[in-house]
Protein backbone atom coordinates (compact mmCIF):
# COMPACT_ATOMS: atom_id res chain seq x y z
CA MET A 1 42.90 54.55 119.57
CA THR A 2 46.65 54.81 120.16
CA PRO A 3 48.55 52.06 118.32
CA ALA A 4 50.52 49.66 120.48
CA PHE A 5 53.55 49.96 118.18
CA GLU A 6 54.77 52.72 115.92
CA VAL A 7 56.97 52.97 112.85
CA THR A 8 58.33 56.46 112.19
CA TRP A 9 59.57 56.94 108.62
CA GLY A 10 61.60 60.13 108.51
CA ASP A 11 59.37 62.44 110.55
CA VAL A 12 56.08 60.65 109.74
CA ALA A 13 54.55 58.34 112.36
CA LEU A 14 52.86 55.84 110.05
CA CYS A 15 50.40 54.24 112.47
CA GLU A 16 49.25 57.51 114.03
CA THR A 17 49.04 59.35 110.69
CA TYR A 18 47.21 56.71 108.65
CA GLY A 19 45.32 54.77 111.30
CA LEU A 20 47.47 51.65 111.00
CA PHE A 21 48.44 48.84 113.35
CA VAL A 22 51.60 46.76 113.16
CA GLU A 23 50.14 43.31 112.63
CA ALA A 24 53.45 41.48 112.17
CA PHE A 25 57.14 42.20 111.97
CA GLU A 26 59.98 40.02 110.72
CA GLU A 27 63.71 40.70 110.60
CA THR A 28 66.42 38.86 108.73
CA PRO A 29 69.66 39.81 110.52
CA PRO A 30 72.58 40.98 108.37
CA ALA A 31 74.69 38.08 107.15
CA PRO A 32 78.46 38.36 107.56
CA LYS A 33 80.56 38.79 104.44
CA THR A 34 82.93 35.86 104.65
CA TYR A 35 85.84 35.02 102.40
CA VAL A 36 87.53 31.64 102.77
CA VAL A 37 90.29 30.45 100.43
CA ASP A 38 90.05 26.75 99.64
CA VAL A 39 93.46 25.15 100.02
CA PRO A 40 93.50 21.72 98.30
CA GLY A 41 94.95 19.13 100.63
CA GLY A 42 95.44 21.64 103.42
CA GLN A 43 93.64 23.82 105.90
CA ASP A 44 91.42 26.51 104.41
CA ILE A 45 92.40 30.15 105.01
CA ASP A 46 89.75 32.49 106.43
CA LEU A 47 90.38 36.02 105.11
CA THR A 48 87.09 37.50 106.33
CA GLU A 49 88.78 40.07 108.59
CA ALA A 50 92.07 40.37 106.69
CA LEU A 51 91.39 43.71 104.99
CA THR A 52 89.92 45.83 107.79
CA GLY A 53 90.49 43.77 110.93
CA HIS A 54 86.78 43.26 111.51
CA THR A 55 83.82 41.52 109.87
CA ALA A 56 81.71 43.32 107.26
CA TYR A 57 78.01 42.58 106.78
CA PHE A 58 75.36 42.55 104.09
CA ASN A 59 72.16 44.55 104.56
CA ARG A 60 69.38 43.42 106.87
CA ARG A 61 65.85 42.73 105.64
CA LEU A 62 62.82 43.99 107.55
CA THR A 63 59.22 43.06 106.70
CA LEU A 64 56.22 44.90 108.13
CA SER A 65 52.57 43.90 107.88
CA LEU A 66 50.51 47.06 108.43
CA TYR A 67 46.78 46.66 109.07
CA TYR A 68 44.22 49.39 108.33
CA ASP A 69 40.92 48.79 110.11
CA GLY A 70 38.75 51.08 107.97
CA ARG A 71 37.53 53.23 110.85
CA THR A 72 39.67 56.32 110.19
CA GLY A 73 41.07 58.24 107.25
CA ASP A 74 39.76 58.41 103.67
CA GLY A 75 39.31 54.70 103.01
CA TRP A 76 41.63 51.79 102.43
CA ALA A 77 42.45 52.64 98.80
CA GLN A 78 43.56 56.17 99.72
CA VAL A 79 45.61 54.87 102.64
CA ALA A 80 47.34 52.39 100.34
CA THR A 81 48.02 55.17 97.82
CA ASP A 82 49.44 57.44 100.52
CA LEU A 83 51.74 54.68 101.78
CA LYS A 84 53.00 53.90 98.27
CA THR A 85 53.67 57.59 97.67
CA LEU A 86 55.56 57.96 100.94
CA LEU A 87 57.43 54.65 101.04
CA HIS A 88 57.74 52.82 97.74
CA GLY A 89 61.31 53.03 96.43
CA MET A 90 62.24 55.71 98.95
CA ARG A 91 65.27 55.76 101.24
CA SER A 92 65.12 57.28 104.71
CA GLU A 93 66.06 56.99 108.34
CA PHE A 94 63.37 55.32 110.44
CA THR A 95 62.70 54.17 113.99
CA LEU A 96 60.74 51.27 115.51
CA SER A 97 58.97 51.86 118.82
CA TRP A 98 59.78 48.34 120.05
CA ASP A 99 63.51 48.99 119.57
CA PRO A 100 63.83 52.33 121.37
CA GLY A 101 66.97 54.41 121.13
CA TYR A 102 68.07 53.14 117.69
CA THR A 103 67.77 54.70 114.24
CA TYR A 104 67.80 52.55 111.08
CA THR A 105 68.45 53.60 107.49
CA GLY A 106 67.04 51.79 104.48
CA ARG A 107 64.99 51.72 101.27
CA ALA A 108 61.35 50.65 101.42
CA SER A 109 59.22 48.72 98.94
CA VAL A 110 55.46 48.21 99.18
CA THR A 111 55.28 44.57 98.05
CA ALA A 112 51.58 43.73 98.58
CA ILE A 113 48.23 45.39 99.23
CA GLN A 114 45.39 43.12 100.29
CA TYR A 115 41.78 44.33 100.52
CA LEU A 116 39.87 42.87 103.47
CA PRO A 117 36.17 42.94 104.40
CA ARG A 118 34.70 45.90 106.30
CA ARG A 119 36.72 48.47 104.36
CA SER A 120 40.04 47.34 105.84
CA CYS A 121 43.28 46.33 104.16
CA ARG A 122 46.72 44.92 104.81
CA VAL A 123 49.86 46.55 103.39
CA THR A 124 53.14 44.65 103.31
CA VAL A 125 56.31 46.71 103.35
CA GLU A 126 59.82 45.36 102.93
CA ILE A 127 62.84 47.46 103.87
CA ASP A 128 66.37 46.81 102.63
CA ALA A 129 68.23 48.38 105.57
CA GLU A 130 71.87 49.04 106.33
CA PRO A 131 73.39 46.42 108.65
CA TRP A 132 74.19 48.94 111.39
CA LYS A 133 71.65 50.79 113.50
CA LEU A 134 72.64 54.09 115.06
CA ARG A 135 72.55 54.55 118.81
CA GLU A 136 74.02 58.04 118.99
CA VAL A 137 76.21 60.54 117.18
CA HIS A 138 78.59 61.72 119.89
CA THR A 139 80.10 65.20 119.75
CA THR A 140 82.41 66.42 122.51
CA THR A 141 84.52 69.56 122.71
CA VAL A 142 87.40 69.93 125.18
CA SER A 143 90.28 72.29 125.83
CA ALA A 144 93.51 70.47 124.99
CA VAL A 145 95.86 73.07 126.45
CA GLY A 146 98.45 71.06 128.35
CA GLY A 147 96.87 67.75 127.38
CA VAL A 148 93.55 66.06 128.13
CA THR A 149 92.20 62.50 127.94
CA VAL A 150 88.83 62.04 126.22
CA HIS A 151 86.83 58.87 126.85
CA CYS A 152 84.79 57.77 123.83
CA GLN A 153 81.99 55.20 124.12
CA GLY A 154 82.26 52.94 121.07
CA GLY A 155 79.60 50.66 119.64
CA ARG A 156 79.69 47.23 118.04
CA ARG A 157 80.83 48.76 114.76
CA PRO A 158 84.49 49.87 114.70
CA VAL A 159 84.63 53.52 113.59
CA HIS A 160 87.20 56.25 112.93
CA PRO A 161 86.31 59.50 114.73
CA LEU A 162 86.41 62.98 113.21
CA ILE A 163 88.55 65.69 114.78
CA THR A 164 88.23 69.47 114.33
CA CYS A 165 90.83 71.86 115.72
CA ASN A 166 92.14 75.37 115.13
CA TYR A 167 95.63 74.41 116.29
CA PRO A 168 98.01 71.55 115.49
CA VAL A 169 97.03 68.83 117.97
CA THR A 170 99.02 65.82 119.08
CA VAL A 171 96.95 62.64 119.41
CA ASP A 172 97.96 59.55 121.37
CA PHE A 173 95.81 56.45 121.00
CA GLU A 174 96.89 53.09 122.42
CA GLY A 175 100.53 54.16 122.37
CA ALA A 176 100.56 55.45 118.78
CA GLU A 177 101.23 59.19 118.52
CA PHE A 178 100.65 61.49 115.54
CA THR A 179 99.89 65.15 114.87
CA VAL A 180 96.74 66.53 113.22
CA PRO A 181 97.13 69.81 111.28
CA ALA A 182 95.11 72.87 112.22
CA GLY A 183 92.09 74.40 110.58
CA GLN A 184 90.03 71.53 109.15
CA THR A 185 88.00 68.45 110.06
CA TYR A 186 89.91 65.19 109.64
CA ARG A 187 88.96 61.53 109.81
CA MET A 188 91.53 59.86 112.06
CA ALA A 189 92.35 56.65 110.20
CA ASP A 190 94.91 55.73 112.89
CA VAL A 191 92.23 55.71 115.61
CA THR A 192 89.69 52.87 115.62
CA LEU A 193 87.03 53.04 118.31
CA THR A 194 85.76 49.63 119.39
CA GLU A 195 82.92 48.57 121.67
CA GLY A 196 83.24 49.98 125.18
CA ASP A 197 85.43 52.76 126.54
CA ASN A 198 88.19 54.20 124.34
CA ALA A 199 90.70 56.70 125.75
CA ILE A 200 92.24 59.31 123.43
CA TRP A 201 94.87 61.77 124.66
CA LEU A 202 94.92 65.21 122.99
CA ASN A 203 97.44 68.02 123.37
CA ILE A 204 97.86 71.19 121.34
CA TYR A 205 101.59 71.35 121.99
CA HIS A 206 104.36 69.23 123.46
CA PHE A 207 105.24 70.18 126.98
CA ARG A 208 107.12 69.39 130.12
CA THR A 209 105.56 69.99 133.51
CA ALA A 210 106.86 73.10 135.23
CA THR A 211 108.56 72.87 138.59
CA TRP A 212 108.42 75.36 141.46
CA ALA A 213 111.76 76.72 140.24
CA ASP A 214 110.16 77.66 136.91
CA VAL A 215 107.61 79.88 138.62
CA SER A 216 109.86 81.36 141.27
CA GLY A 217 109.46 85.10 141.62
CA GLN A 218 105.83 85.03 140.45
CA THR A 219 102.93 85.83 142.75
CA TRP A 220 99.31 84.76 142.65
CA ALA A 221 98.46 88.32 141.65
CA SER A 222 100.83 88.20 138.66
CA VAL A 223 99.12 85.10 137.21
CA ALA A 224 95.56 86.13 138.00
CA GLY A 225 93.24 85.15 135.17
CA THR A 226 95.77 82.74 133.64
CA PRO A 227 94.47 79.16 133.16
CA TRP A 228 96.30 76.72 135.42
CA ALA A 229 97.24 74.57 132.39
CA ARG A 230 99.35 77.45 131.04
CA ILE A 231 101.16 77.86 134.34
CA VAL A 232 102.12 74.19 134.74
CA VAL A 233 103.32 73.82 131.11
CA ALA A 234 106.83 74.90 130.14
CA ASP A 235 109.14 74.61 127.10
CA GLY A 236 106.27 73.98 124.69
CA GLU A 237 106.64 74.20 120.93
CA THR A 238 104.21 77.06 121.27
CA GLY A 239 104.98 78.93 124.45
CA ALA A 240 102.25 79.66 126.96
CA ASP A 241 102.75 83.41 126.48
CA GLU A 242 102.34 83.08 122.69
CA PHE A 243 99.25 80.91 122.79
CA THR A 244 95.91 82.57 122.07
CA GLY A 245 92.45 81.05 122.14
CA ASP A 246 90.91 78.40 124.35
CA GLY A 247 92.57 75.36 122.75
CA SER A 248 89.25 73.76 121.78
CA VAL A 249 89.31 70.39 120.04
CA THR A 250 86.09 68.68 118.88
CA LEU A 251 85.69 64.94 118.41
CA GLN A 252 82.71 63.33 116.69
CA TRP A 253 81.91 59.66 116.21
CA ARG A 254 78.98 57.30 115.66
CA GLU A 255 77.96 54.61 118.14
CA GLU A 256 76.35 51.80 116.10
CA TYR A 257 75.22 48.23 116.67
CA LEU A 258 73.93 45.27 114.66
């Protein structure tokens, strides 16, 4: 019989593997970490978001009641032993079939094993999970020759994206401009992606747009095979004729929710 719900711990589907059914599930949502300064005789000061600009959270608590009906496997005692071996005290990513598209991370504890008539048993598992659940790790690579705008879908959790480039790249985010050195992966502390669409402008060199006068005397044949971005860019810090490579810049960020 195919279980109605499934819990996948790492790469192990618990219900399918051990003949279990999710009998009950309870979640305690992550509580916000608040910090309020008591001002005697005056209005209290809420400093909850003062440090990072957003609210931090404690872990969430998940409780699973897993029922073994005794009709499959090697018996309830062996099933209980297998679950303790796999879960108890262990940390892993896991997914819940009734919350599709999200990946949780937490540490499990087998808190109770109850023997029931007809060779069945009930196993209670508590998971101390991180407050954020992962929707997707986004990775996008673009050519930033001449400048390009990348749209990043952010989640409920504010995050700083990673950038990898083989050239110095100028970044403009919400009017703030800075340059990232070449050759490594950097965490952009000056860029905070928030929920919804976030536009980031990338350019591997400063430029001005060429005019028809700049390309006078050239023919289509003379620029055959030259990317259009190199033709329309002039007076760059790195000239179009000196530039080699495809100008690839890679951004990576996590889209997470409570």
